[in-house]
Each structure stands twice: as structure tokens, then as C-alpha cells.
Amino acid sequence: MAISRSSIGKSVSKGSKPKGGLTKWFKEDWVDIGSKKKGGGYAKCGRSKQKADAKRKYPKCVPAAKAARMSKSQIKSAVSRKRAKKQGVGGKPTNVKTFAAKGGIISNKSNMGLFGRS
């Protein structure tokens, strides 16, 4: 069976857009789990060049949905590992894994306690 040149790299049918991937990644609501807001939730991800943000520590950004599923200890661990690493080595951003190597797996169950929603 021969493959024509016109069919190479065209896995999506005409008229439909791929789901997930980079498009989904950009549309997610990214938050800084190291910066909690007073009313609940987290500050938006990133820093600006304003003086107020200059004093802010390095952000550890995750999608808001993932942040909601993380326990307090998982958040503390991720933020401390991010801030412990030297930042901006070689002009590149510093990345650390969100979950530690020793079984920091998130379950799909919420941390709402005994009477929480399923």
C-alpha cells in the first residue's frame, strides 16, 4: 500500500479541529499556587515588571483545575521545590515537577471530607 504525499501529516478530517494538546493548554486558567488570595483561590500566574511584583517570590503555576485537586502538603512541596532551585539559569525558566517522585499522585476524588460531593 502506497502513501501519497498529500495524506502525510493530515490526521484530522476537514472542518474539525483537534481537541486537547497545545490549544487546550493555552485556554486553561493558570494560577500561582504559591500566592493565595484572601477570599480564597489563587492569584493569576505570572509576574509583571511593576514594583509590587518585584517583591513577589517566583511563581509555581499550574492549571486551576489541578490546583483545586491538590492537597495543602502537595502545594507546599511543589512551591518549596520550585523556590529552592536556582532561577533563570542560562536565561531559561526553571521548571520542577508538580508532584514529588515518591507517590504524589492526584486522585480524581475531591478533598471535601466525609460529607463532600463526589
PDB file of N, CA and C in Angstrom:
ATOM      1  N   MET A   1       0.840  -1.174   0.000  1.00  0.00           N
ATOM      2  CA  MET A   1       0.000   0.000   0.000  1.00  0.00           C
ATOM      3  C   MET A   1       0.889   1.244   0.000  1.00  0.00           C
ATOM      4  N   ALA A   2       0.651   2.122  -0.904  1.00  0.00           N
ATOM      5  CA  ALA A   2       1.451   3.334  -1.037  1.00  0.00           C
ATOM      6  C   ALA A   2       0.778   4.495  -0.312  1.00  0.00           C
ATOM      7  N   ILE A   3       1.606   5.355   0.275  1.00  0.00           N
ATOM      8  CA  ILE A   3       1.104   6.543   0.961  1.00  0.00           C
ATOM      9  C   ILE A   3       1.382   7.740   0.070  1.00  0.00           C
ATOM     10  N   SER A   4       0.340   8.495  -0.207  1.00  0.00           N
ATOM     11  CA  SER A   4       0.530   9.669  -1.050  1.00  0.00           C
ATOM     12  C   SER A   4       1.074  10.824  -0.214  1.00  0.00           C
ATOM     13  N   ARG A   5       1.805  11.722  -0.851  1.00  0.00           N
ATOM     14  CA  ARG A   5       2.390  12.866  -0.160  1.00  0.00           C
ATOM     15  C   ARG A   5       1.313  13.784   0.419  1.00  0.00           C
ATOM     16  N   SER A   6       0.179  13.857  -0.210  1.00  0.00           N
ATOM     17  CA  SER A   6      -0.876  14.759   0.254  1.00  0.00           C
ATOM     18  C   SER A   6      -1.520  14.283   1.553  1.00  0.00           C
ATOM     19  N   SER A   7      -1.409  12.995   1.887  1.00  0.00           N
ATOM     20  CA  SER A   7      -2.043  12.486   3.103  1.00  0.00           C
ATOM     21  C   SER A   7      -1.108  12.490   4.309  1.00  0.00           C
ATOM     22  N   ILE A   8       0.163  12.782   4.121  1.00  0.00           N
ATOM     23  CA  ILE A   8       1.111  12.792   5.225  1.00  0.00           C
ATOM     24  C   ILE A   8       0.855  14.013   6.099  1.00  0.00           C
ATOM     25  N   GLY A   9       0.732  13.791   7.407  1.00  0.00           N
ATOM     26  CA  GLY A   9       0.530  14.871   8.359  1.00  0.00           C
ATOM     27  C   GLY A   9      -0.886  15.394   8.441  1.00  0.00           C
ATOM     28  N   LYS A  10      -1.835  14.736   7.790  1.00  0.00           N
ATOM     29  CA  LYS A  10      -3.233  15.168   7.832  1.00  0.00           C
ATOM     30  C   LYS A  10      -4.067  14.107   8.538  1.00  0.00           C
ATOM     31  N   SER A  11      -4.005  14.110   9.865  1.00  0.00           N
ATOM     32  CA  SER A  11      -4.752  13.108  10.614  1.00  0.00           C
ATOM     33  C   SER A  11      -6.138  13.601  11.008  1.00  0.00           C
ATOM     34  N   VAL A  12      -6.404  14.891  10.876  1.00  0.00           N
ATOM     35  CA  VAL A  12      -7.693  15.452  11.258  1.00  0.00           C
ATOM     36  C   VAL A  12      -8.530  15.669  10.003  1.00  0.00           C
ATOM     37  N   SER A  13      -9.801  15.255  10.085  1.00  0.00           N
ATOM     38  CA  SER A  13     -10.662  15.430   8.921  1.00  0.00           C
ATOM     39  C   SER A  13     -10.951  16.903   8.694  1.00  0.00           C
ATOM     40  N   LYS A  14     -11.319  17.238   7.486  1.00  0.00           N
ATOM     41  CA  LYS A  14     -11.567  18.624   7.110  1.00  0.00           C
ATOM     42  C   LYS A  14     -12.767  19.177   7.870  1.00  0.00           C
ATOM     43  N   GLY A  15     -12.615  20.385   8.418  1.00  0.00           N
ATOM     44  CA  GLY A  15     -13.714  21.030   9.112  1.00  0.00           C
ATOM     45  C   GLY A  15     -13.710  20.832  10.626  1.00  0.00           C
ATOM     46  N   SER A  16     -12.961  19.855  11.135  1.00  0.00           N
ATOM     47  CA  SER A  16     -12.926  19.668  12.590  1.00  0.00           C
ATOM     48  C   SER A  16     -11.561  20.076  13.136  1.00  0.00           C
ATOM     49  N   LYS A  17     -11.575  20.546  14.370  1.00  0.00           N
ATOM     50  CA  LYS A  17     -10.322  20.962  14.997  1.00  0.00           C
ATOM     51  C   LYS A  17      -9.906  19.909  16.012  1.00  0.00           C
ATOM     52  N   PRO A  18      -8.597  19.737  16.204  1.00  0.00           N
ATOM     53  CA  PRO A  18      -8.152  18.754  17.184  1.00  0.00           C
ATOM     54  C   PRO A  18      -8.512  19.200  18.603  1.00  0.00           C
ATOM     55  N   LYS A  19      -8.826  18.231  19.446  1.00  0.00           N
ATOM     56  CA  LYS A  19      -9.160  18.527  20.833  1.00  0.00           C
ATOM     57  C   LYS A  19      -7.931  18.254  21.691  1.00  0.00           C
ATOM     58  N   GLY A  20      -7.738  19.079  22.709  1.00  0.00           N
ATOM     59  CA  GLY A  20      -6.625  18.866  23.616  1.00  0.00           C
ATOM     60  C   GLY A  20      -5.343  19.445  23.059  1.00  0.00           C
ATOM     61  N   GLY A  21      -4.235  18.981  23.592  1.00  0.00           N
ATOM     62  CA  GLY A  21      -2.942  19.433  23.126  1.00  0.00           C
ATOM     63  C   GLY A  21      -2.653  20.877  23.495  1.00  0.00           C
ATOM     64  N   LEU A  22      -1.942  21.560  22.651  1.00  0.00           N
ATOM     65  CA  LEU A  22      -1.489  22.912  22.915  1.00  0.00           C
ATOM     66  C   LEU A  22      -2.638  23.911  22.975  1.00  0.00           C
ATOM     67  N   THR A  23      -3.667  23.709  22.169  1.00  0.00           N
ATOM     68  CA  THR A  23      -4.825  24.604  22.185  1.00  0.00           C
ATOM     69  C   THR A  23      -5.485  24.569  23.561  1.00  0.00           C
ATOM     70  N   LYS A  24      -5.683  23.384  24.089  1.00  0.00           N
ATOM     71  CA  LYS A  24      -6.289  23.221  25.411  1.00  0.00           C
ATOM     72  C   LYS A  24      -5.373  23.826  26.476  1.00  0.00           C
ATOM     73  N   TRP A  25      -4.086  23.625  26.367  1.00  0.00           N
ATOM     74  CA  TRP A  25      -3.098  24.110  27.335  1.00  0.00           C
ATOM     75  C   TRP A  25      -3.162  25.636  27.446  1.00  0.00           C
ATOM     76  N   PHE A  26      -3.271  26.316  26.313  1.00  0.00           N
ATOM     77  CA  PHE A  26      -3.333  27.779  26.323  1.00  0.00           C
ATOM     78  C   PHE A  26      -4.654  28.304  26.876  1.00  0.00           C
ATOM     79  N   LYS A  27      -5.741  27.568  26.706  1.00  0.00           N
ATOM     80  CA  LYS A  27      -7.050  28.035  27.152  1.00  0.00           C
ATOM     81  C   LYS A  27      -7.290  27.783  28.638  1.00  0.00           C
ATOM     82  N   GLU A  28      -6.433  26.976  29.282  1.00  0.00           N
ATOM     83  CA  GLU A  28      -6.618  26.697  30.697  1.00  0.00           C
ATOM     84  C   GLU A  28      -6.365  27.947  31.535  1.00  0.00           C
ATOM     85  N   ASP A  29      -7.006  28.006  32.677  1.00  0.00           N
ATOM     86  CA  ASP A  29      -6.847  29.124  33.607  1.00  0.00           C
ATOM     87  C   ASP A  29      -5.663  28.796  34.527  1.00  0.00           C
ATOM     88  N   TRP A  30      -4.504  29.432  34.312  1.00  0.00           N
ATOM     89  CA  TRP A  30      -3.293  29.143  35.066  1.00  0.00           C
ATOM     90  C   TRP A  30      -3.215  30.033  36.295  1.00  0.00           C
ATOM     91  N   VAL A  31      -2.902  29.422  37.446  1.00  0.00           N
ATOM     92  CA  VAL A  31      -2.808  30.149  38.705  1.00  0.00           C
ATOM     93  C   VAL A  31      -1.475  29.855  39.391  1.00  0.00           C
ATOM     94  N   ASP A  32      -1.069  30.769  40.268  1.00  0.00           N
ATOM     95  CA  ASP A  32       0.158  30.629  41.044  1.00  0.00           C
ATOM     96  C   ASP A  32      -0.204  30.024  42.393  1.00  0.00           C
ATOM     97  N   ILE A  33       0.139  28.752  42.620  1.00  0.00           N
ATOM     98  CA  ILE A  33      -0.252  28.081  43.863  1.00  0.00           C
ATOM     99  C   ILE A  33       0.565  28.557  45.061  1.00  0.00           C
ATOM    100  N   GLY A  34       1.591  29.347  44.829  1.00  0.00           N
ATOM    101  CA  GLY A  34       2.372  29.901  45.925  1.00  0.00           C
ATOM    102  C   GLY A  34       1.809  31.209  46.427  1.00  0.00           C
ATOM    103  N   SER A  35       0.755  31.717  45.810  1.00  0.00           N
ATOM    104  CA  SER A  35       0.193  33.022  46.157  1.00  0.00           C
ATOM    105  C   SER A  35      -1.312  32.906  46.330  1.00  0.00           C
ATOM    106  N   LYS A  36      -1.724  32.643  47.563  1.00  0.00           N
ATOM    107  CA  LYS A  36      -3.146  32.514  47.865  1.00  0.00           C
ATOM    108  C   LYS A  36      -3.811  33.873  48.013  1.00  0.00           C
ATOM    109  N   LYS A  37      -5.050  33.988  47.550  1.00  0.00           N
ATOM    110  CA  LYS A  37      -5.805  35.229  47.714  1.00  0.00           C
ATOM    111  C   LYS A  37      -6.587  35.179  49.026  1.00  0.00           C
ATOM    112  N   LYS A  38      -6.911  36.353  49.577  1.00  0.00           N
ATOM    113  CA  LYS A  38      -7.610  36.426  50.864  1.00  0.00           C
ATOM    114  C   LYS A  38      -8.991  35.798  50.809  1.00  0.00           C
ATOM    115  N   GLY A  39      -9.724  36.004  49.758  1.00  0.00           N
ATOM    116  CA  GLY A  39     -11.084  35.483  49.641  1.00  0.00           C
ATOM    117  C   GLY A  39     -11.153  34.029  49.225  1.00  0.00           C
ATOM    118  N   GLY A  40     -10.030  33.394  49.002  1.00  0.00           N
ATOM    119  CA  GLY A  40      -9.979  32.019  48.521  1.00  0.00           C
ATOM    120  C   GLY A  40      -9.469  31.986  47.095  1.00  0.00           C
ATOM    121  N   GLY A  41      -8.966  30.876  46.692  1.00  0.00           N
ATOM    122  CA  GLY A  41      -8.408  30.732  45.350  1.00  0.00           C
ATOM    123  C   GLY A  41      -6.968  31.210  45.299  1.00  0.00           C
ATOM    124  N   TYR A  42      -6.449  31.366  44.097  1.00  0.00           N
ATOM    125  CA  TYR A  42      -5.051  31.726  43.906  1.00  0.00           C
ATOM    126  C   TYR A  42      -4.931  32.897  42.936  1.00  0.00           C
ATOM    127  N   ALA A  43      -3.811  33.597  43.027  1.00  0.00           N
ATOM    128  CA  ALA A  43      -3.541  34.713  42.121  1.00  0.00           C
ATOM    129  C   ALA A  43      -3.265  34.175  40.726  1.00  0.00           C
ATOM    130  N   LYS A  44      -3.528  34.983  39.719  1.00  0.00           N
ATOM    131  CA  LYS A  44      -3.225  34.594  38.340  1.00  0.00           C
ATOM    132  C   LYS A  44      -1.729  34.329  38.200  1.00  0.00           C
ATOM    133  N   CYS A  45      -1.380  33.500  37.271  1.00  0.00           N
ATOM    134  CA  CYS A  45       0.014  33.122  37.066  1.00  0.00           C
ATOM    135  C   CYS A  45       0.811  34.255  36.421  1.00  0.00           C
ATOM    136  N   GLY A  46       2.081  34.308  36.757  1.00  0.00           N
ATOM    137  CA  GLY A  46       2.987  35.259  36.128  1.00  0.00           C
ATOM    138  C   GLY A  46       3.284  36.458  36.989  1.00  0.00           C
ATOM    139  N   ARG A  47       4.290  37.200  36.567  1.00  0.00           N
ATOM    140  CA  ARG A  47       4.680  38.427  37.265  1.00  0.00           C
ATOM    141  C   ARG A  47       4.847  39.526  36.235  1.00  0.00           C
ATOM    142  N   SER A  48       4.622  40.740  36.665  1.00  0.00           N
ATOM    143  CA  SER A  48       4.851  41.863  35.767  1.00  0.00           C
ATOM    144  C   SER A  48       6.120  42.576  36.227  1.00  0.00           C
ATOM    145  N   LYS A  49       6.498  43.622  35.541  1.00  0.00           N
ATOM    146  CA  LYS A  49       7.706  44.352  35.903  1.00  0.00           C
ATOM    147  C   LYS A  49       7.413  45.498  36.867  1.00  0.00           C
ATOM    148  N   GLN A  50       6.222  45.496  37.457  1.00  0.00           N
ATOM    149  CA  GLN A  50       5.839  46.517  38.423  1.00  0.00           C
ATOM    150  C   GLN A  50       6.604  46.317  39.732  1.00  0.00           C
ATOM    151  N   LYS A  51       6.739  47.370  40.512  1.00  0.00           N
ATOM    152  CA  LYS A  51       7.454  47.276  41.788  1.00  0.00           C
ATOM    153  C   LYS A  51       6.747  46.340  42.763  1.00  0.00           C
ATOM    154  N   ALA A  52       5.427  46.291  42.706  1.00  0.00           N
ATOM    155  CA  ALA A  52       4.675  45.419  43.600  1.00  0.00           C
ATOM    156  C   ALA A  52       5.003  43.951  43.334  1.00  0.00           C
ATOM    157  N   ASP A  53       5.208  43.600  42.087  1.00  0.00           N
ATOM    158  CA  ASP A  53       5.534  42.214  41.736  1.00  0.00           C
ATOM    159  C   ASP A  53       7.012  41.908  41.909  1.00  0.00           C
ATOM    160  N   ALA A  54       7.852  42.912  42.020  1.00  0.00           N
ATOM    161  CA  ALA A  54       9.283  42.679  42.169  1.00  0.00           C
ATOM    162  C   ALA A  54       9.585  41.973  43.492  1.00  0.00           C
ATOM    163  N   LYS A  55       8.763  42.222  44.508  1.00  0.00           N
ATOM    164  CA  LYS A  55       8.969  41.602  45.811  1.00  0.00           C
ATOM    165  C   LYS A  55       8.363  40.203  45.893  1.00  0.00           C
ATOM    166  N   ARG A  56       7.498  39.880  44.954  1.00  0.00           N
ATOM    167  CA  ARG A  56       6.861  38.564  44.932  1.00  0.00           C
ATOM    168  C   ARG A  56       7.889  37.488  44.650  1.00  0.00           C
ATOM    169  N   LYS A  57       7.726  36.343  45.271  1.00  0.00           N
ATOM    170  CA  LYS A  57       8.642  35.235  45.021  1.00  0.00           C
ATOM    171  C   LYS A  57       8.279  34.570  43.702  1.00  0.00           C
ATOM    172  N   TYR A  58       9.144  33.672  43.242  1.00  0.00           N
ATOM    173  CA  TYR A  58       8.922  33.028  41.954  1.00  0.00           C
ATOM    174  C   TYR A  58       7.626  32.222  41.970  1.00  0.00           C
ATOM    175  N   PRO A  59       6.813  32.368  40.934  1.00  0.00           N
ATOM    176  CA  PRO A  59       5.535  31.661  40.909  1.00  0.00           C
ATOM    177  C   PRO A  59       5.696  30.184  40.545  1.00  0.00           C
ATOM    178  N   LYS A  60       4.838  29.363  41.108  1.00  0.00           N
ATOM    179  CA  LYS A  60       4.720  27.961  40.712  1.00  0.00           C
ATOM    180  C   LYS A  60       3.331  27.850  40.113  1.00  0.00           C
ATOM    181  N   CYS A  61       3.264  27.788  38.798  1.00  0.00           N
ATOM    182  CA  CYS A  61       1.986  27.859  38.097  1.00  0.00           C
ATOM    183  C   CYS A  61       1.468  26.491  37.675  1.00  0.00           C
ATOM    184  N   VAL A  62       0.193  26.281  37.899  1.00  0.00           N
ATOM    185  CA  VAL A  62      -0.497  25.065  37.468  1.00  0.00           C
ATOM    186  C   VAL A  62      -1.895  25.472  37.002  1.00  0.00           C
ATOM    187  N   PRO A  63      -2.559  24.628  36.217  1.00  0.00           N
ATOM    188  CA  PRO A  63      -3.945  24.931  35.855  1.00  0.00           C
ATOM    189  C   PRO A  63      -4.818  24.967  37.111  1.00  0.00           C
ATOM    190  N   ALA A  64      -5.829  25.822  37.120  1.00  0.00           N
ATOM    191  CA  ALA A  64      -6.694  25.987  38.289  1.00  0.00           C
ATOM    192  C   ALA A  64      -7.374  24.675  38.677  1.00  0.00           C
ATOM    193  N   ALA A  65      -7.725  23.860  37.704  1.00  0.00           N
ATOM    194  CA  ALA A  65      -8.373  22.582  37.992  1.00  0.00           C
ATOM    195  C   ALA A  65      -7.434  21.660  38.767  1.00  0.00           C
ATOM    196  N   LYS A  66      -6.172  21.650  38.406  1.00  0.00           N
ATOM    197  CA  LYS A  66      -5.189  20.817  39.109  1.00  0.00           C
ATOM    198  C   LYS A  66      -4.939  21.371  40.504  1.00  0.00           C
ATOM    199  N   ALA A  67      -4.872  22.694  40.639  1.00  0.00           N
ATOM    200  CA  ALA A  67      -4.642  23.326  41.940  1.00  0.00           C
ATOM    201  C   ALA A  67      -5.763  22.973  42.910  1.00  0.00           C
ATOM    202  N   ALA A  68      -6.986  22.899  42.421  1.00  0.00           N
ATOM    203  CA  ALA A  68      -8.130  22.575  43.268  1.00  0.00           C
ATOM    204  C   ALA A  68      -8.063  21.143  43.782  1.00  0.00           C
ATOM    205  N   ARG A  69      -7.433  20.251  43.031  1.00  0.00           N
ATOM    206  CA  ARG A  69      -7.335  18.846  43.434  1.00  0.00           C
ATOM    207  C   ARG A  69      -6.141  18.557  44.336  1.00  0.00           C
ATOM    208  N   MET A  70      -5.220  19.518  44.453  1.00  0.00           N
ATOM    209  CA  MET A  70      -4.007  19.283  45.236  1.00  0.00           C
ATOM    210  C   MET A  70      -4.260  19.511  46.722  1.00  0.00           C
ATOM    211  N   SER A  71      -3.609  18.690  47.552  1.00  0.00           N
ATOM    212  CA  SER A  71      -3.703  18.880  48.997  1.00  0.00           C
ATOM    213  C   SER A  71      -2.748  19.993  49.419  1.00  0.00           C
ATOM    214  N   LYS A  72      -2.897  20.480  50.644  1.00  0.00           N
ATOM    215  CA  LYS A  72      -2.029  21.541  51.145  1.00  0.00           C
ATOM    216  C   LYS A  72      -0.577  21.099  51.158  1.00  0.00           C
ATOM    217  N   SER A  73      -0.324  19.838  51.529  1.00  0.00           N
ATOM    218  CA  SER A  73       1.054  19.349  51.581  1.00  0.00           C
ATOM    219  C   SER A  73       1.661  19.227  50.184  1.00  0.00           C
ATOM    220  N   GLN A  74       0.863  18.847  49.201  1.00  0.00           N
ATOM    221  CA  GLN A  74       1.357  18.765  47.825  1.00  0.00           C
ATOM    222  C   GLN A  74       1.712  20.152  47.300  1.00  0.00           C
ATOM    223  N   ILE A  75       0.891  21.136  47.609  1.00  0.00           N
ATOM    224  CA  ILE A  75       1.148  22.514  47.177  1.00  0.00           C
ATOM    225  C   ILE A  75       2.419  23.036  47.835  1.00  0.00           C
ATOM    226  N   LYS A  76       2.533  22.827  49.133  1.00  0.00           N
ATOM    227  CA  LYS A  76       3.708  23.290  49.869  1.00  0.00           C
ATOM    228  C   LYS A  76       4.978  22.655  49.319  1.00  0.00           C
ATOM    229  N   SER A  77       4.920  21.364  49.028  1.00  0.00           N
ATOM    230  CA  SER A  77       6.074  20.646  48.484  1.00  0.00           C
ATOM    231  C   SER A  77       6.476  21.196  47.112  1.00  0.00           C
ATOM    232  N   ALA A  78       5.512  21.400  46.245  1.00  0.00           N
ATOM    233  CA  ALA A  78       5.795  21.882  44.884  1.00  0.00           C
ATOM    234  C   ALA A  78       6.382  23.289  44.912  1.00  0.00           C
ATOM    235  N   VAL A  79       5.812  24.159  45.738  1.00  0.00           N
ATOM    236  CA  VAL A  79       6.287  25.540  45.813  1.00  0.00           C
ATOM    237  C   VAL A  79       7.696  25.594  46.401  1.00  0.00           C
ATOM    238  N   SER A  80       7.941  24.811  47.446  1.00  0.00           N
ATOM    239  CA  SER A  80       9.265  24.838  48.079  1.00  0.00           C
ATOM    240  C   SER A  80      10.338  24.273  47.149  1.00  0.00           C
ATOM    241  N   ARG A  81      10.006  23.241  46.367  1.00  0.00           N
ATOM    242  CA  ARG A  81      10.985  22.702  45.410  1.00  0.00           C
ATOM    243  C   ARG A  81      11.275  23.695  44.301  1.00  0.00           C
ATOM    244  N   LYS A  82      10.262  24.436  43.860  1.00  0.00           N
ATOM    245  CA  LYS A  82      10.448  25.449  42.819  1.00  0.00           C
ATOM    246  C   LYS A  82      11.352  26.572  43.327  1.00  0.00           C
ATOM    247  N   ARG A  83      11.092  27.039  44.539  1.00  0.00           N
ATOM    248  CA  ARG A  83      11.851  28.170  45.080  1.00  0.00           C
ATOM    249  C   ARG A  83      13.241  27.776  45.539  1.00  0.00           C
ATOM    250  N   ALA A  84      13.474  26.488  45.787  1.00  0.00           N
ATOM    251  CA  ALA A  84      14.790  26.026  46.217  1.00  0.00           C
ATOM    252  C   ALA A  84      15.779  25.981  45.054  1.00  0.00           C
ATOM    253  N   LYS A  85      15.270  25.785  43.833  1.00  0.00           N
ATOM    254  CA  LYS A  85      16.137  25.722  42.649  1.00  0.00           C
ATOM    255  C   LYS A  85      16.574  27.109  42.232  1.00  0.00           C
ATOM    256  N   LYS A  86      17.764  27.191  41.677  1.00  0.00           N
ATOM    257  CA  LYS A  86      18.261  28.463  41.166  1.00  0.00           C
ATOM    258  C   LYS A  86      17.420  28.845  39.949  1.00  0.00           C
ATOM    259  N   GLN A  87      16.982  30.104  39.918  1.00  0.00           N
ATOM    260  CA  GLN A  87      16.060  30.558  38.885  1.00  0.00           C
ATOM    261  C   GLN A  87      16.783  31.181  37.696  1.00  0.00           C
ATOM    262  N   GLY A  88      16.269  30.933  36.517  1.00  0.00           N
ATOM    263  CA  GLY A  88      16.748  31.593  35.305  1.00  0.00           C
ATOM    264  C   GLY A  88      18.153  31.224  34.886  1.00  0.00           C
ATOM    265  N   VAL A  89      18.559  29.978  35.068  1.00  0.00           N
ATOM    266  CA  VAL A  89      19.896  29.551  34.676  1.00  0.00           C
ATOM    267  C   VAL A  89      19.973  29.513  33.156  1.00  0.00           C
ATOM    268  N   GLY A  90      20.936  30.208  32.589  1.00  0.00           N
ATOM    269  CA  GLY A  90      21.099  30.248  31.134  1.00  0.00           C
ATOM    270  C   GLY A  90      19.995  31.014  30.433  1.00  0.00           C
ATOM    271  N   GLY A  91      19.289  31.890  31.147  1.00  0.00           N
ATOM    272  CA  GLY A  91      18.218  32.667  30.543  1.00  0.00           C
ATOM    273  C   GLY A  91      16.946  31.887  30.304  1.00  0.00           C
ATOM    274  N   LYS A  92      16.873  30.655  30.823  1.00  0.00           N
ATOM    275  CA  LYS A  92      15.692  29.817  30.630  1.00  0.00           C
ATOM    276  C   LYS A  92      14.901  29.740  31.924  1.00  0.00           C
ATOM    277  N   PRO A  93      13.586  29.602  31.838  1.00  0.00           N
ATOM    278  CA  PRO A  93      12.802  29.468  33.059  1.00  0.00           C
ATOM    279  C   PRO A  93      13.099  28.143  33.760  1.00  0.00           C
ATOM    280  N   THR A  94      12.972  28.140  35.070  1.00  0.00           N
ATOM    281  CA  THR A  94      13.226  26.937  35.850  1.00  0.00           C
ATOM    282  C   THR A  94      11.941  26.146  35.992  1.00  0.00           C
ATOM    283  N   ASN A  95      11.992  24.889  35.645  1.00  0.00           N
ATOM    284  CA  ASN A  95      10.828  24.017  35.770  1.00  0.00           C
ATOM    285  C   ASN A  95      11.120  22.910  36.770  1.00  0.00           C
ATOM    286  N   VAL A  96      10.160  22.615  37.624  1.00  0.00           N
ATOM    287  CA  VAL A  96      10.238  21.471  38.519  1.00  0.00           C
ATOM    288  C   VAL A  96       8.939  20.691  38.371  1.00  0.00           C
ATOM    289  N   LYS A  97       8.974  19.416  38.689  1.00  0.00           N
ATOM    290  CA  LYS A  97       7.770  18.607  38.597  1.00  0.00           C
ATOM    291  C   LYS A  97       6.775  19.066  39.651  1.00  0.00           C
ATOM    292  N   THR A  98       5.511  19.030  39.308  1.00  0.00           N
ATOM    293  CA  THR A  98       4.476  19.460  40.239  1.00  0.00           C
ATOM    294  C   THR A  98       4.370  18.484  41.399  1.00  0.00           C
ATOM    295  N   PHE A  99       4.597  17.218  41.155  1.00  0.00           N
ATOM    296  CA  PHE A  99       4.491  16.203  42.193  1.00  0.00           C
ATOM    297  C   PHE A  99       5.837  15.544  42.412  1.00  0.00           C
ATOM    298  N   ALA A 100       6.164  15.317  43.677  1.00  0.00           N
ATOM    299  CA  ALA A 100       7.421  14.681  44.050  1.00  0.00           C
ATOM    300  C   ALA A 100       7.439  13.252  43.527  1.00  0.00           C
ATOM    301  N   ALA A 101       8.623  12.687  43.403  1.00  0.00           N
ATOM    302  CA  ALA A 101       8.787  11.348  42.850  1.00  0.00           C
ATOM    303  C   ALA A 101       8.151  10.269  43.720  1.00  0.00           C
ATOM    304  N   LYS A 102       8.035  10.506  45.021  1.00  0.00           N
ATOM    305  CA  LYS A 102       7.512   9.489  45.934  1.00  0.00           C
ATOM    306  C   LYS A 102       5.994   9.526  46.015  1.00  0.00           C
ATOM    307  N   GLY A 103       5.306   9.064  44.990  1.00  0.00           N
ATOM    308  CA  GLY A 103       3.862   8.863  45.033  1.00  0.00           C
ATOM    309  C   GLY A 103       3.014  10.091  45.270  1.00  0.00           C
ATOM    310  N   GLY A 104       3.299  11.184  44.617  1.00  0.00           N
ATOM    311  CA  GLY A 104       2.470  12.370  44.746  1.00  0.00           C
ATOM    312  C   GLY A 104       1.379  12.384  43.710  1.00  0.00           C
ATOM    313  N   ILE A 105       0.682  11.283  43.557  1.00  0.00           N
ATOM    314  CA  ILE A 105      -0.333  11.151  42.507  1.00  0.00           C
ATOM    315  C   ILE A 105      -1.656  11.741  42.979  1.00  0.00           C
ATOM    316  N   ILE A 106      -2.328  12.447  42.094  1.00  0.00           N
ATOM    317  CA  ILE A 106      -3.628  13.034  42.405  1.00  0.00           C
ATOM    318  C   ILE A 106      -4.713  12.038  42.033  1.00  0.00           C
ATOM    319  N   SER A 107      -5.652  11.853  42.941  1.00  0.00           N
ATOM    320  CA  SER A 107      -6.813  11.036  42.604  1.00  0.00           C
ATOM    321  C   SER A 107      -7.897  11.978  42.092  1.00  0.00           C
ATOM    322  N   ASN A 108      -8.881  11.443  41.447  1.00  0.00           N
ATOM    323  CA  ASN A 108      -9.964  12.271  40.927  1.00  0.00           C
ATOM    324  C   ASN A 108     -10.977  12.630  41.997  1.00  0.00           C
ATOM    325  N   LYS A 109     -10.818  12.102  43.218  1.00  0.00           N
ATOM    326  CA  LYS A 109     -11.740  12.417  44.300  1.00  0.00           C
ATOM    327  C   LYS A 109     -11.360  13.761  44.892  1.00  0.00           C
ATOM    328  N   SER A 110     -12.366  14.503  45.310  1.00  0.00           N
ATOM    329  CA  SER A 110     -12.108  15.806  45.917  1.00  0.00           C
ATOM    330  C   SER A 110     -11.700  15.629  47.373  1.00  0.00           C
ATOM    331  N   ASN A 111     -11.081  16.633  47.932  1.00  0.00           N
ATOM    332  CA  ASN A 111     -10.655  16.607  49.321  1.00  0.00           C
ATOM    333  C   ASN A 111     -11.682  17.323  50.197  1.00  0.00           C
ATOM    334  N   MET A 112     -12.954  17.010  50.017  1.00  0.00           N
ATOM    335  CA  MET A 112     -14.022  17.727  50.699  1.00  0.00           C
ATOM    336  C   MET A 112     -14.403  17.064  52.024  1.00  0.00           C
ATOM    337  N   GLY A 113     -13.815  15.959  52.395  1.00  0.00           N
ATOM    338  CA  GLY A 113     -14.113  15.334  53.671  1.00  0.00           C
ATOM    339  C   GLY A 113     -15.245  14.321  53.582  1.00  0.00           C
ATOM    340  N   LEU A 114     -15.789  14.017  54.729  1.00  0.00           N
ATOM    341  CA  LEU A 114     -16.784  12.968  54.848  1.00  0.00           C
ATOM    342  C   LEU A 114     -18.083  13.292  54.133  1.00  0.00           C
ATOM    343  N   PHE A 115     -18.522  14.546  54.195  1.00  0.00           N
ATOM    344  CA  PHE A 115     -19.805  14.928  53.606  1.00  0.00           C
ATOM    345  C   PHE A 115     -19.653  15.659  52.299  1.00  0.00           C
ATOM    346  N   GLY A 116     -18.481  15.573  51.655  1.00  0.00           N
ATOM    347  CA  GLY A 116     -18.231  16.281  50.402  1.00  0.00           C
ATOM    348  C   GLY A 116     -18.963  15.661  49.230  1.00  0.00           C
ATOM    349  N   ARG A 117     -19.013  16.412  48.162  1.00  0.00           N
ATOM    350  CA  ARG A 117     -19.646  15.905  46.939  1.00  0.00           C
ATOM    351  C   ARG A 117     -18.728  14.925  46.248  1.00  0.00           C
ATOM    352  N   SER A 118     -19.302  13.991  45.514  1.00  0.00           N
ATOM    353  CA  SER A 118     -18.489  13.018  44.776  1.00  0.00           C
ATOM    354  C   SER A 118     -18.304  13.436  43.355  1.00  0.00           C
TER     355      SER A 118
END
